[in-house]
Amino acid sequence: MLERREDVFYYITVTNENYPQPTLNASAREHVIKGMYRLREFAGGGIEAEVHLLGSGAILREVIEAGRLLREEWQIGSYIWSVTSFSELAREAREIERFNRLHPTDSRRRSHLVACLDGAAPVIAATDYVCAYPHMISPYISNRFLALGTDGFGRSDTRVQLRRFFEVDSRQIVATALYALELEGRVATSTVAEAIGRYQINPSAVPPWLC
């Protein structure tokens, strides 16, 4: 910052959980700075439908596992996106929206967010922040959007139990993705009920933000 005389600041996010980080692909470097990049996809023959799965922080690993479960157990394909900044995505999308609003005779611009989530596939975002954080991007996309977050009081337990309690683990992500597809008429209601039963999700549990 001082050497280049840039009026900016940088931050590093650290966690208390160790896990291997993927190697940065050179083609993804710019997308990382813009707020999200496609990490991988679960595709192949026999796909019934597709979803976009967005993950940030430690919950990204739950999103990756959800993508695997969707493909192997439900024949649902997915695009896995690593979100480095929901706020940066929302900021740029808002600027693009303003430009298009004030320049109606110019060619319409598309934000990085819209370009990434092209098409009509539902978007499910999971994070260990509160739901309001990923919801920052929802006004700027036309896809059906559902967010999972850790709204509620902090508590001590194992990571597995905490993620299950706050409904941000891989099985909750799978059930949410199937529900989004059911709303789109792409999967049967019975499929969503089957997933809830298979993954032992308690539909009568008190919402975590009320506990």
N, C-alpha and C. Protein backbone atom coordinates (compact mmCIF):
# COMPACT_ATOMS: atom_id res chain seq x y z
N MET A 1 0.83 -1.21 0.00
CA MET A 1 0.00 0.00 0.00
C MET A 1 0.87 1.26 0.00
N LEU A 2 1.89 1.28 0.83
CA LEU A 2 2.76 2.46 0.89
C LEU A 2 3.67 2.52 -0.32
N GLU A 3 4.22 1.36 -0.68
CA GLU A 3 5.16 1.32 -1.79
C GLU A 3 4.50 1.76 -3.10
N ARG A 4 3.28 1.29 -3.34
CA ARG A 4 2.57 1.63 -4.58
C ARG A 4 1.70 2.88 -4.45
N ARG A 5 1.69 3.45 -3.23
CA ARG A 5 0.88 4.64 -2.95
C ARG A 5 -0.59 4.41 -3.33
N GLU A 6 -1.11 3.26 -2.90
CA GLU A 6 -2.50 2.92 -3.16
C GLU A 6 -3.34 3.24 -1.94
N ASP A 7 -4.46 3.89 -2.16
CA ASP A 7 -5.37 4.25 -1.07
C ASP A 7 -6.33 3.08 -0.83
N VAL A 8 -5.80 1.97 -0.38
CA VAL A 8 -6.59 0.76 -0.15
C VAL A 8 -6.08 0.08 1.12
N PHE A 9 -6.82 -0.91 1.55
CA PHE A 9 -6.32 -1.75 2.62
C PHE A 9 -6.68 -3.19 2.31
N TYR A 10 -5.91 -4.10 2.85
CA TYR A 10 -6.11 -5.52 2.62
C TYR A 10 -6.36 -6.19 3.97
N TYR A 11 -7.08 -7.30 3.94
CA TYR A 11 -7.29 -8.03 5.18
C TYR A 11 -7.12 -9.52 4.92
N ILE A 12 -6.76 -10.23 5.96
CA ILE A 12 -6.60 -11.68 5.90
C ILE A 12 -7.56 -12.29 6.90
N THR A 13 -8.33 -13.25 6.44
CA THR A 13 -9.26 -13.94 7.32
C THR A 13 -8.63 -15.25 7.78
N VAL A 14 -8.61 -15.46 9.06
CA VAL A 14 -8.06 -16.71 9.60
C VAL A 14 -9.16 -17.41 10.40
N THR A 15 -9.04 -18.73 10.48
CA THR A 15 -10.02 -19.52 11.23
C THR A 15 -9.28 -20.43 12.18
N ASN A 16 -10.04 -21.13 13.00
CA ASN A 16 -9.44 -22.06 13.94
C ASN A 16 -9.59 -23.50 13.47
N GLU A 17 -9.74 -23.67 12.16
CA GLU A 17 -9.87 -25.01 11.59
C GLU A 17 -8.88 -25.16 10.45
N ASN A 18 -8.08 -26.20 10.52
CA ASN A 18 -7.07 -26.42 9.49
C ASN A 18 -7.60 -27.39 8.43
N TYR A 19 -7.51 -27.00 7.19
CA TYR A 19 -7.86 -27.88 6.08
C TYR A 19 -7.12 -27.40 4.84
N PRO A 20 -6.80 -28.31 3.92
CA PRO A 20 -6.01 -27.94 2.75
C PRO A 20 -6.74 -26.97 1.85
N GLN A 21 -6.00 -26.00 1.32
CA GLN A 21 -6.55 -25.02 0.40
C GLN A 21 -6.22 -25.42 -1.04
N PRO A 22 -7.17 -25.25 -1.95
CA PRO A 22 -6.87 -25.59 -3.34
C PRO A 22 -5.85 -24.63 -3.94
N THR A 23 -5.09 -25.13 -4.89
CA THR A 23 -4.13 -24.28 -5.59
C THR A 23 -4.88 -23.25 -6.42
N LEU A 24 -4.41 -22.02 -6.40
CA LEU A 24 -5.07 -20.96 -7.15
C LEU A 24 -4.77 -21.11 -8.63
N ASN A 25 -5.83 -21.32 -9.39
CA ASN A 25 -5.69 -21.37 -10.84
C ASN A 25 -5.50 -19.95 -11.36
N ALA A 26 -4.54 -19.79 -12.26
CA ALA A 26 -4.24 -18.45 -12.77
C ALA A 26 -5.46 -17.80 -13.40
N SER A 27 -6.29 -18.59 -14.06
CA SER A 27 -7.47 -18.04 -14.72
C SER A 27 -8.52 -17.58 -13.73
N ALA A 28 -8.42 -18.06 -12.48
CA ALA A 28 -9.41 -17.70 -11.47
C ALA A 28 -8.99 -16.51 -10.62
N ARG A 29 -7.77 -16.04 -10.78
CA ARG A 29 -7.24 -15.00 -9.91
C ARG A 29 -8.12 -13.74 -9.92
N GLU A 30 -8.51 -13.29 -11.10
CA GLU A 30 -9.33 -12.09 -11.19
C GLU A 30 -10.70 -12.31 -10.56
N HIS A 31 -11.25 -13.52 -10.72
CA HIS A 31 -12.55 -13.82 -10.15
C HIS A 31 -12.51 -13.87 -8.63
N VAL A 32 -11.39 -14.31 -8.09
CA VAL A 32 -11.22 -14.32 -6.64
C VAL A 32 -11.36 -12.90 -6.10
N ILE A 33 -10.72 -11.96 -6.76
CA ILE A 33 -10.76 -10.56 -6.33
C ILE A 33 -12.17 -9.99 -6.50
N LYS A 34 -12.88 -10.42 -7.52
CA LYS A 34 -14.23 -9.91 -7.78
C LYS A 34 -15.27 -10.46 -6.80
N GLY A 35 -14.93 -11.55 -6.12
CA GLY A 35 -15.84 -12.03 -5.09
C GLY A 35 -16.23 -13.49 -5.16
N MET A 36 -16.08 -14.15 -6.30
CA MET A 36 -16.41 -15.58 -6.36
C MET A 36 -15.79 -16.21 -7.61
N TYR A 37 -15.49 -17.49 -7.49
CA TYR A 37 -14.97 -18.22 -8.64
C TYR A 37 -15.48 -19.65 -8.58
N ARG A 38 -15.58 -20.28 -9.75
CA ARG A 38 -16.08 -21.65 -9.79
C ARG A 38 -14.97 -22.61 -9.43
N LEU A 39 -15.19 -23.32 -8.36
CA LEU A 39 -14.18 -24.23 -7.85
C LEU A 39 -14.21 -25.57 -8.57
N ARG A 40 -15.42 -26.09 -8.79
CA ARG A 40 -15.56 -27.37 -9.47
C ARG A 40 -17.02 -27.58 -9.83
N GLU A 41 -17.31 -28.67 -10.49
CA GLU A 41 -18.70 -29.00 -10.80
C GLU A 41 -18.89 -30.51 -10.71
N PHE A 42 -20.10 -30.89 -10.40
CA PHE A 42 -20.46 -32.30 -10.37
C PHE A 42 -21.43 -32.53 -11.52
N ALA A 43 -20.93 -33.15 -12.57
CA ALA A 43 -21.74 -33.35 -13.77
C ALA A 43 -21.72 -34.83 -14.15
N GLY A 44 -22.00 -35.12 -15.40
CA GLY A 44 -22.01 -36.50 -15.86
C GLY A 44 -23.36 -36.89 -16.40
N GLY A 45 -23.46 -38.11 -16.87
CA GLY A 45 -24.70 -38.60 -17.44
C GLY A 45 -25.78 -38.81 -16.40
N GLY A 46 -27.02 -38.77 -16.87
CA GLY A 46 -28.15 -39.04 -15.98
C GLY A 46 -28.55 -37.90 -15.09
N ILE A 47 -28.08 -36.69 -15.37
CA ILE A 47 -28.41 -35.54 -14.54
C ILE A 47 -29.88 -35.17 -14.72
N GLU A 48 -30.59 -35.02 -13.60
CA GLU A 48 -32.01 -34.65 -13.64
C GLU A 48 -32.19 -33.14 -13.67
N ALA A 49 -31.35 -32.41 -12.98
CA ALA A 49 -31.44 -30.95 -12.89
C ALA A 49 -30.11 -30.44 -12.35
N GLU A 50 -29.97 -29.12 -12.30
CA GLU A 50 -28.73 -28.51 -11.82
C GLU A 50 -29.02 -27.37 -10.85
N VAL A 51 -28.06 -27.14 -9.97
CA VAL A 51 -28.14 -26.02 -9.03
C VAL A 51 -26.77 -25.37 -8.93
N HIS A 52 -26.77 -24.13 -8.46
CA HIS A 52 -25.53 -23.45 -8.09
C HIS A 52 -25.40 -23.52 -6.57
N LEU A 53 -24.26 -23.99 -6.08
CA LEU A 53 -24.01 -24.04 -4.64
C LEU A 53 -22.88 -23.07 -4.31
N LEU A 54 -23.18 -22.08 -3.48
CA LEU A 54 -22.21 -21.07 -3.09
C LEU A 54 -21.78 -21.30 -1.65
N GLY A 55 -20.48 -21.34 -1.41
CA GLY A 55 -19.98 -21.53 -0.06
C GLY A 55 -18.88 -20.56 0.27
N SER A 56 -18.77 -20.22 1.54
CA SER A 56 -17.69 -19.34 1.97
C SER A 56 -17.10 -19.87 3.27
N GLY A 57 -15.82 -19.57 3.45
CA GLY A 57 -15.15 -19.99 4.68
C GLY A 57 -15.13 -21.50 4.84
N ALA A 58 -15.19 -21.93 6.10
CA ALA A 58 -15.13 -23.36 6.40
C ALA A 58 -16.33 -24.12 5.86
N ILE A 59 -17.46 -23.44 5.63
CA ILE A 59 -18.65 -24.11 5.14
C ILE A 59 -18.51 -24.49 3.67
N LEU A 60 -17.50 -23.99 3.00
CA LEU A 60 -17.26 -24.39 1.61
C LEU A 60 -17.09 -25.90 1.51
N ARG A 61 -16.44 -26.49 2.48
CA ARG A 61 -16.26 -27.95 2.44
C ARG A 61 -17.59 -28.68 2.56
N GLU A 62 -18.52 -28.13 3.34
CA GLU A 62 -19.86 -28.71 3.43
C GLU A 62 -20.58 -28.59 2.08
N VAL A 63 -20.36 -27.48 1.39
CA VAL A 63 -20.97 -27.27 0.08
C VAL A 63 -20.42 -28.28 -0.93
N ILE A 64 -19.13 -28.51 -0.90
CA ILE A 64 -18.53 -29.50 -1.80
C ILE A 64 -19.11 -30.88 -1.54
N GLU A 65 -19.22 -31.25 -0.28
CA GLU A 65 -19.80 -32.55 0.07
C GLU A 65 -21.26 -32.62 -0.36
N ALA A 66 -21.99 -31.53 -0.23
CA ALA A 66 -23.38 -31.50 -0.67
C ALA A 66 -23.46 -31.73 -2.18
N GLY A 67 -22.54 -31.15 -2.92
CA GLY A 67 -22.51 -31.38 -4.36
C GLY A 67 -22.30 -32.84 -4.70
N ARG A 68 -21.42 -33.49 -3.95
CA ARG A 68 -21.17 -34.91 -4.18
C ARG A 68 -22.42 -35.74 -3.87
N LEU A 69 -23.07 -35.45 -2.75
CA LEU A 69 -24.27 -36.18 -2.37
C LEU A 69 -25.39 -35.97 -3.40
N LEU A 70 -25.56 -34.74 -3.85
CA LEU A 70 -26.59 -34.47 -4.84
C LEU A 70 -26.36 -35.29 -6.10
N ARG A 71 -25.12 -35.38 -6.53
CA ARG A 71 -24.81 -36.12 -7.76
C ARG A 71 -24.97 -37.62 -7.56
N GLU A 72 -24.42 -38.15 -6.48
CA GLU A 72 -24.39 -39.59 -6.30
C GLU A 72 -25.71 -40.18 -5.80
N GLU A 73 -26.45 -39.43 -4.99
CA GLU A 73 -27.65 -39.99 -4.39
C GLU A 73 -28.95 -39.50 -5.03
N TRP A 74 -28.88 -38.36 -5.73
CA TRP A 74 -30.12 -37.77 -6.26
C TRP A 74 -30.05 -37.43 -7.74
N GLN A 75 -28.91 -37.70 -8.36
CA GLN A 75 -28.73 -37.42 -9.79
C GLN A 75 -28.96 -35.94 -10.13
N ILE A 76 -28.52 -35.08 -9.25
CA ILE A 76 -28.61 -33.64 -9.43
C ILE A 76 -27.20 -33.09 -9.64
N GLY A 77 -27.00 -32.36 -10.71
CA GLY A 77 -25.70 -31.75 -10.97
C GLY A 77 -25.57 -30.42 -10.24
N SER A 78 -24.35 -29.98 -10.03
CA SER A 78 -24.15 -28.71 -9.34
C SER A 78 -22.86 -28.04 -9.77
N TYR A 79 -22.89 -26.72 -9.69
CA TYR A 79 -21.70 -25.90 -9.87
C TYR A 79 -21.31 -25.38 -8.49
N ILE A 80 -20.08 -25.64 -8.09
CA ILE A 80 -19.61 -25.24 -6.77
C ILE A 80 -18.84 -23.94 -6.89
N TRP A 81 -19.30 -22.92 -6.17
CA TRP A 81 -18.66 -21.61 -6.21
C TRP A 81 -18.07 -21.27 -4.85
N SER A 82 -16.81 -20.88 -4.86
CA SER A 82 -16.17 -20.38 -3.65
C SER A 82 -16.35 -18.87 -3.62
N VAL A 83 -17.05 -18.40 -2.60
CA VAL A 83 -17.33 -16.96 -2.49
C VAL A 83 -16.31 -16.34 -1.54
N THR A 84 -15.53 -15.44 -2.08
CA THR A 84 -14.52 -14.75 -1.27
C THR A 84 -15.08 -13.48 -0.65
N SER A 85 -16.17 -12.93 -1.22
CA SER A 85 -16.76 -11.73 -0.65
C SER A 85 -18.16 -11.50 -1.20
N PHE A 86 -19.18 -11.77 -0.38
CA PHE A 86 -20.54 -11.44 -0.78
C PHE A 86 -20.72 -9.93 -0.90
N SER A 87 -20.06 -9.19 -0.03
CA SER A 87 -20.20 -7.73 -0.07
C SER A 87 -19.60 -7.14 -1.33
N GLU A 88 -18.48 -7.68 -1.81
CA GLU A 88 -17.88 -7.18 -3.04
C GLU A 88 -18.78 -7.51 -4.24
N LEU A 89 -19.37 -8.69 -4.23
CA LEU A 89 -20.30 -9.06 -5.31
C LEU A 89 -21.49 -8.10 -5.34
N ALA A 90 -22.05 -7.83 -4.17
CA ALA A 90 -23.21 -6.94 -4.08
C ALA A 90 -22.83 -5.52 -4.47
N ARG A 91 -21.66 -5.09 -4.08
CA ARG A 91 -21.22 -3.71 -4.38
C ARG A 91 -21.11 -3.50 -5.89
N GLU A 92 -20.45 -4.44 -6.57
CA GLU A 92 -20.29 -4.28 -8.01
C GLU A 92 -21.63 -4.40 -8.72
N ALA A 93 -22.47 -5.36 -8.28
CA ALA A 93 -23.78 -5.54 -8.91
C ALA A 93 -24.64 -4.29 -8.76
N ARG A 94 -24.53 -3.64 -7.62
CA ARG A 94 -25.30 -2.41 -7.40
C ARG A 94 -24.81 -1.30 -8.31
N GLU A 95 -23.50 -1.22 -8.49
CA GLU A 95 -22.94 -0.20 -9.38
C GLU A 95 -23.39 -0.44 -10.82
N ILE A 96 -23.38 -1.71 -11.25
CA ILE A 96 -23.81 -2.05 -12.60
C ILE A 96 -25.29 -1.72 -12.78
N GLU A 97 -26.09 -2.05 -11.78
CA GLU A 97 -27.52 -1.75 -11.85
C GLU A 97 -27.74 -0.24 -12.00
N ARG A 98 -26.98 0.54 -11.23
CA ARG A 98 -27.11 2.00 -11.32
C ARG A 98 -26.73 2.50 -12.70
N PHE A 99 -25.63 1.97 -13.26
CA PHE A 99 -25.21 2.39 -14.59
C PHE A 99 -26.31 2.10 -15.61
N ASN A 100 -26.85 0.89 -15.59
CA ASN A 100 -27.89 0.53 -16.55
C ASN A 100 -29.14 1.41 -16.39
N ARG A 101 -29.45 1.76 -15.15
CA ARG A 101 -30.62 2.61 -14.89
C ARG A 101 -30.44 4.01 -15.44
N LEU A 102 -29.21 4.53 -15.34
CA LEU A 102 -28.95 5.92 -15.74
C LEU A 102 -28.48 6.05 -17.19
N HIS A 103 -28.25 4.91 -17.85
CA HIS A 103 -27.81 4.92 -19.25
C HIS A 103 -28.69 3.97 -20.07
N PRO A 104 -29.96 4.28 -20.18
CA PRO A 104 -30.90 3.36 -20.83
C PRO A 104 -30.63 3.12 -22.31
N THR A 105 -29.95 4.03 -22.98
CA THR A 105 -29.69 3.85 -24.41
C THR A 105 -28.36 3.17 -24.69
N ASP A 106 -27.56 2.94 -23.65
CA ASP A 106 -26.28 2.24 -23.82
C ASP A 106 -26.49 0.73 -23.74
N SER A 107 -25.49 0.00 -24.17
CA SER A 107 -25.54 -1.46 -24.04
C SER A 107 -25.56 -1.84 -22.56
N ARG A 108 -26.42 -2.77 -22.23
CA ARG A 108 -26.53 -3.18 -20.83
C ARG A 108 -25.26 -3.90 -20.38
N ARG A 109 -24.84 -3.55 -19.20
CA ARG A 109 -23.68 -4.22 -18.61
C ARG A 109 -24.14 -5.35 -17.70
N ARG A 110 -23.27 -6.33 -17.50
CA ARG A 110 -23.58 -7.45 -16.61
C ARG A 110 -22.52 -7.52 -15.52
N SER A 111 -22.97 -7.71 -14.32
CA SER A 111 -22.04 -7.83 -13.20
C SER A 111 -21.36 -9.20 -13.23
N HIS A 112 -20.29 -9.30 -12.49
CA HIS A 112 -19.60 -10.58 -12.36
C HIS A 112 -20.55 -11.62 -11.76
N LEU A 113 -21.36 -11.21 -10.82
CA LEU A 113 -22.32 -12.10 -10.19
C LEU A 113 -23.29 -12.69 -11.21
N VAL A 114 -23.88 -11.86 -12.03
CA VAL A 114 -24.84 -12.31 -13.04
C VAL A 114 -24.15 -13.19 -14.07
N ALA A 115 -22.94 -12.81 -14.46
CA ALA A 115 -22.22 -13.60 -15.45
C ALA A 115 -21.92 -15.01 -14.94
N CYS A 116 -21.61 -15.12 -13.66
CA CYS A 116 -21.30 -16.42 -13.08
C CYS A 116 -22.55 -17.29 -12.97
N LEU A 117 -23.66 -16.68 -12.57
CA LEU A 117 -24.88 -17.44 -12.32
C LEU A 117 -25.84 -17.35 -13.50
N ASP A 118 -25.30 -17.41 -14.68
CA ASP A 118 -26.10 -17.33 -15.89
C ASP A 118 -27.05 -18.51 -15.96
N GLY A 119 -28.24 -18.28 -16.48
CA GLY A 119 -29.23 -19.34 -16.57
C GLY A 119 -30.25 -19.26 -15.46
N ALA A 120 -31.05 -20.31 -15.34
CA ALA A 120 -32.16 -20.28 -14.39
C ALA A 120 -32.00 -21.26 -13.23
N ALA A 121 -30.85 -21.90 -13.10
CA ALA A 121 -30.66 -22.87 -12.03
C ALA A 121 -30.77 -22.19 -10.66
N PRO A 122 -31.45 -22.80 -9.70
CA PRO A 122 -31.54 -22.21 -8.36
C PRO A 122 -30.16 -22.03 -7.72
N VAL A 123 -30.08 -21.06 -6.83
CA VAL A 123 -28.84 -20.75 -6.13
C VAL A 123 -29.05 -20.98 -4.64
N ILE A 124 -28.17 -21.79 -4.05
CA ILE A 124 -28.20 -22.03 -2.61
C ILE A 124 -26.86 -21.57 -2.05
N ALA A 125 -26.91 -20.63 -1.13
CA ALA A 125 -25.69 -20.10 -0.51
C ALA A 125 -25.63 -20.56 0.94
N ALA A 126 -24.48 -21.05 1.36
CA ALA A 126 -24.29 -21.51 2.74
C ALA A 126 -23.03 -20.86 3.30
N THR A 127 -23.15 -20.35 4.52
CA THR A 127 -22.05 -19.64 5.15
C THR A 127 -22.14 -19.79 6.66
N ASP A 128 -21.03 -19.54 7.34
CA ASP A 128 -21.07 -19.54 8.80
C ASP A 128 -21.28 -18.13 9.34
N TYR A 129 -21.69 -17.20 8.47
CA TYR A 129 -22.18 -15.90 8.89
C TYR A 129 -23.71 -15.95 8.96
N VAL A 130 -24.33 -14.88 9.41
CA VAL A 130 -25.79 -14.83 9.44
C VAL A 130 -26.33 -14.76 8.01
N CYS A 131 -27.60 -15.15 7.84
CA CYS A 131 -28.20 -15.22 6.51
C CYS A 131 -28.21 -13.88 5.79
N ALA A 132 -28.27 -12.80 6.54
CA ALA A 132 -28.33 -11.48 5.91
C ALA A 132 -27.11 -11.22 5.04
N TYR A 133 -25.99 -11.84 5.35
CA TYR A 133 -24.77 -11.59 4.58
C TYR A 133 -24.90 -12.12 3.14
N PRO A 134 -25.16 -13.42 2.92
CA PRO A 134 -25.34 -13.86 1.53
C PRO A 134 -26.55 -13.25 0.86
N HIS A 135 -27.56 -12.85 1.64
CA HIS A 135 -28.75 -12.24 1.04
C HIS A 135 -28.45 -10.89 0.40
N MET A 136 -27.26 -10.35 0.63
CA MET A 136 -26.89 -9.09 -0.01
C MET A 136 -26.91 -9.19 -1.53
N ILE A 137 -26.70 -10.40 -2.06
CA ILE A 137 -26.64 -10.54 -3.52
C ILE A 137 -27.99 -10.87 -4.13
N SER A 138 -28.97 -11.25 -3.32
CA SER A 138 -30.23 -11.74 -3.86
C SER A 138 -30.99 -10.74 -4.73
N PRO A 139 -30.95 -9.41 -4.46
CA PRO A 139 -31.70 -8.50 -5.33
C PRO A 139 -31.16 -8.40 -6.75
N TYR A 140 -29.93 -8.89 -6.97
CA TYR A 140 -29.26 -8.65 -8.23
C TYR A 140 -29.23 -9.85 -9.16
N ILE A 141 -29.89 -10.95 -8.78
CA ILE A 141 -29.97 -12.12 -9.64
C ILE A 141 -31.43 -12.51 -9.80
N SER A 142 -31.74 -13.11 -10.93
CA SER A 142 -33.11 -13.54 -11.20
C SER A 142 -33.35 -14.98 -10.78
N ASN A 143 -32.30 -15.73 -10.49
CA ASN A 143 -32.45 -17.12 -10.07
C ASN A 143 -33.18 -17.20 -8.73
N ARG A 144 -33.86 -18.32 -8.52
CA ARG A 144 -34.41 -18.57 -7.19
C ARG A 144 -33.24 -18.68 -6.22
N PHE A 145 -33.34 -18.01 -5.07
CA PHE A 145 -32.20 -17.90 -4.15
C PHE A 145 -32.63 -18.30 -2.75
N LEU A 146 -31.87 -19.21 -2.15
CA LEU A 146 -32.08 -19.62 -0.76
C LEU A 146 -30.75 -19.56 -0.04
N ALA A 147 -30.76 -19.05 1.19
CA ALA A 147 -29.52 -18.89 1.95
C ALA A 147 -29.61 -19.62 3.28
N LEU A 148 -28.50 -20.21 3.68
CA LEU A 148 -28.37 -20.87 4.97
C LEU A 148 -27.25 -20.18 5.73
N GLY A 149 -27.52 -19.82 6.99
CA GLY A 149 -26.51 -19.15 7.80
C GLY A 149 -26.64 -19.53 9.26
N THR A 150 -25.79 -18.98 10.08
CA THR A 150 -25.74 -19.36 11.49
C THR A 150 -26.40 -18.31 12.37
N ASP A 151 -27.63 -17.96 12.06
CA ASP A 151 -28.37 -17.02 12.89
C ASP A 151 -28.68 -17.66 14.25
N GLY A 152 -28.45 -16.93 15.31
CA GLY A 152 -28.73 -17.45 16.65
C GLY A 152 -27.59 -17.17 17.60
N PHE A 153 -27.76 -17.59 18.82
CA PHE A 153 -26.75 -17.36 19.85
C PHE A 153 -25.59 -18.34 19.68
N GLY A 154 -24.40 -17.85 20.00
CA GLY A 154 -23.24 -18.70 19.94
C GLY A 154 -23.30 -19.77 21.01
N ARG A 155 -22.64 -20.89 20.75
CA ARG A 155 -22.63 -21.99 21.70
C ARG A 155 -21.40 -22.84 21.46
N SER A 156 -21.08 -23.69 22.43
CA SER A 156 -19.91 -24.54 22.34
C SER A 156 -20.33 -25.98 22.07
N ASP A 157 -19.70 -26.59 21.10
CA ASP A 157 -19.95 -27.99 20.77
C ASP A 157 -18.96 -28.39 19.70
N THR A 158 -19.07 -29.60 19.19
CA THR A 158 -18.20 -30.01 18.09
C THR A 158 -18.64 -29.29 16.81
N ARG A 159 -17.74 -29.20 15.85
CA ARG A 159 -18.09 -28.55 14.59
C ARG A 159 -19.25 -29.28 13.91
N VAL A 160 -19.21 -30.61 13.96
CA VAL A 160 -20.27 -31.39 13.33
C VAL A 160 -21.62 -31.05 13.93
N GLN A 161 -21.70 -31.03 15.26
CA GLN A 161 -22.96 -30.75 15.92
C GLN A 161 -23.41 -29.31 15.72
N LEU A 162 -22.47 -28.37 15.74
CA LEU A 162 -22.82 -26.98 15.55
C LEU A 162 -23.38 -26.74 14.15
N ARG A 163 -22.75 -27.33 13.15
CA ARG A 163 -23.23 -27.13 11.78
C ARG A 163 -24.58 -27.82 11.56
N ARG A 164 -24.76 -28.91 12.25
CA ARG A 164 -26.06 -29.57 12.16
C ARG A 164 -27.12 -28.73 12.87
N PHE A 165 -26.78 -28.19 14.04
CA PHE A 165 -27.71 -27.37 14.80
C PHE A 165 -28.12 -26.12 14.02
N PHE A 166 -27.14 -25.44 13.42
CA PHE A 166 -27.42 -24.21 12.68
C PHE A 166 -27.91 -24.48 11.24
N GLU A 167 -28.04 -25.74 10.89
CA GLU A 167 -28.62 -26.15 9.60
C GLU A 167 -27.79 -25.66 8.41
N VAL A 168 -26.47 -25.78 8.55
CA VAL A 168 -25.58 -25.40 7.45
C VAL A 168 -24.67 -26.54 7.04
N ASP A 169 -24.96 -27.77 7.48
CA ASP A 169 -24.13 -28.90 7.11
C ASP A 169 -24.53 -29.41 5.72
N SER A 170 -23.77 -30.35 5.20
CA SER A 170 -23.97 -30.80 3.83
C SER A 170 -25.35 -31.38 3.60
N ARG A 171 -25.92 -32.07 4.58
CA ARG A 171 -27.22 -32.69 4.38
C ARG A 171 -28.34 -31.66 4.34
N GLN A 172 -28.21 -30.62 5.14
CA GLN A 172 -29.18 -29.53 5.07
C GLN A 172 -29.08 -28.80 3.72
N ILE A 173 -27.87 -28.66 3.23
CA ILE A 173 -27.67 -28.02 1.93
C ILE A 173 -28.32 -28.85 0.83
N VAL A 174 -28.16 -30.16 0.90
CA VAL A 174 -28.79 -31.05 -0.08
C VAL A 174 -30.31 -30.91 -0.04
N ALA A 175 -30.87 -30.97 1.17
CA ALA A 175 -32.32 -30.86 1.32
C ALA A 175 -32.83 -29.51 0.81
N THR A 176 -32.07 -28.46 1.05
CA THR A 176 -32.45 -27.13 0.59
C THR A 176 -32.40 -27.05 -0.93
N ALA A 177 -31.37 -27.65 -1.53
CA ALA A 177 -31.26 -27.66 -2.99
C ALA A 177 -32.43 -28.41 -3.62
N LEU A 178 -32.79 -29.54 -3.04
CA LEU A 178 -33.92 -30.31 -3.56
C LEU A 178 -35.23 -29.53 -3.41
N TYR A 179 -35.36 -28.83 -2.28
CA TYR A 179 -36.55 -28.01 -2.06
C TYR A 179 -36.64 -26.90 -3.11
N ALA A 180 -35.51 -26.24 -3.41
CA ALA A 180 -35.50 -25.19 -4.42
C ALA A 180 -35.91 -25.75 -5.78
N LEU A 181 -35.43 -26.94 -6.10
CA LEU A 181 -35.80 -27.56 -7.37
C LEU A 181 -37.26 -27.99 -7.38
N GLU A 182 -37.77 -28.37 -6.21
CA GLU A 182 -39.19 -28.72 -6.11
C GLU A 182 -40.05 -27.49 -6.37
N LEU A 183 -39.63 -26.33 -5.86
CA LEU A 183 -40.35 -25.08 -6.12
C LEU A 183 -40.35 -24.73 -7.60
N GLU A 184 -39.31 -25.17 -8.30
CA GLU A 184 -39.21 -24.92 -9.73
C GLU A 184 -39.92 -25.99 -10.55
N GLY A 185 -40.49 -26.99 -9.88
CA GLY A 185 -41.15 -28.08 -10.59
C GLY A 185 -40.20 -29.07 -11.22
N ARG A 186 -38.95 -29.12 -10.74
CA ARG A 186 -37.94 -30.00 -11.33
C ARG A 186 -37.81 -31.33 -10.61
N VAL A 187 -38.19 -31.40 -9.35
CA VAL A 187 -38.20 -32.66 -8.62
C VAL A 187 -39.53 -32.79 -7.88
N ALA A 188 -39.88 -34.00 -7.51
CA ALA A 188 -41.15 -34.24 -6.82
C ALA A 188 -41.06 -33.84 -5.36
N THR A 189 -42.21 -33.48 -4.80
CA THR A 189 -42.28 -33.14 -3.37
C THR A 189 -41.84 -34.33 -2.52
N SER A 190 -42.18 -35.53 -2.98
CA SER A 190 -41.81 -36.74 -2.24
C SER A 190 -40.30 -36.91 -2.15
N THR A 191 -39.58 -36.37 -3.12
CA THR A 191 -38.11 -36.46 -3.10
C THR A 191 -37.54 -35.64 -1.96
N VAL A 192 -38.10 -34.45 -1.76
CA VAL A 192 -37.66 -33.59 -0.65
C VAL A 192 -37.95 -34.28 0.67
N ALA A 193 -39.15 -34.86 0.81
CA ALA A 193 -39.51 -35.57 2.04
C ALA A 193 -38.60 -36.77 2.27
N GLU A 194 -38.24 -37.45 1.20
CA GLU A 194 -37.34 -38.59 1.31
C GLU A 194 -35.97 -38.17 1.83
N ALA A 195 -35.47 -37.04 1.32
CA ALA A 195 -34.16 -36.55 1.76
C ALA A 195 -34.19 -36.16 3.23
N ILE A 196 -35.26 -35.50 3.66
CA ILE A 196 -35.38 -35.11 5.08
C ILE A 196 -35.36 -36.34 5.97
N GLY A 197 -36.05 -37.39 5.54
CA GLY A 197 -36.05 -38.62 6.32
C GLY A 197 -34.72 -39.34 6.29
N ARG A 198 -34.12 -39.43 5.11
CA ARG A 198 -32.85 -40.15 4.97
C ARG A 198 -31.75 -39.51 5.80
N TYR A 199 -31.73 -38.19 5.85
CA TYR A 199 -30.67 -37.48 6.55
C TYR A 199 -31.03 -37.16 8.00
N GLN A 200 -32.14 -37.70 8.46
CA GLN A 200 -32.56 -37.56 9.86
C GLN A 200 -32.64 -36.08 10.27
N ILE A 201 -33.21 -35.28 9.39
CA ILE A 201 -33.46 -33.87 9.70
C ILE A 201 -34.79 -33.76 10.42
N ASN A 202 -34.78 -33.10 11.56
CA ASN A 202 -35.99 -32.98 12.36
C ASN A 202 -36.79 -31.75 11.93
N PRO A 203 -37.89 -31.93 11.18
CA PRO A 203 -38.65 -30.77 10.71
C PRO A 203 -39.38 -30.04 11.83
N SER A 204 -39.47 -30.65 13.02
CA SER A 204 -40.16 -30.01 14.14
C SER A 204 -39.20 -29.29 15.08
N ALA A 205 -37.92 -29.31 14.74
CA ALA A 205 -36.93 -28.65 15.60
C ALA A 205 -37.18 -27.15 15.65
N VAL A 206 -36.90 -26.57 16.79
CA VAL A 206 -37.04 -25.11 16.94
C VAL A 206 -35.98 -24.43 16.08
N PRO A 207 -36.32 -23.40 15.31
CA PRO A 207 -35.33 -22.70 14.50
C PRO A 207 -34.14 -22.26 15.36
N PRO A 208 -32.92 -22.42 14.88
CA PRO A 208 -31.75 -22.11 15.71
C PRO A 208 -31.70 -20.67 16.19
N TRP A 209 -32.28 -19.74 15.42
CA TRP A 209 -32.22 -18.35 15.85
C TRP A 209 -33.19 -18.04 16.99
N LEU A 210 -34.01 -19.02 17.37
CA LEU A 210 -34.92 -18.84 18.49
C LEU A 210 -34.44 -19.59 19.75
N CYS A 211 -33.34 -20.31 19.60
CA CYS A 211 -32.85 -21.11 20.74
C CYS A 211 -31.89 -20.28 21.61
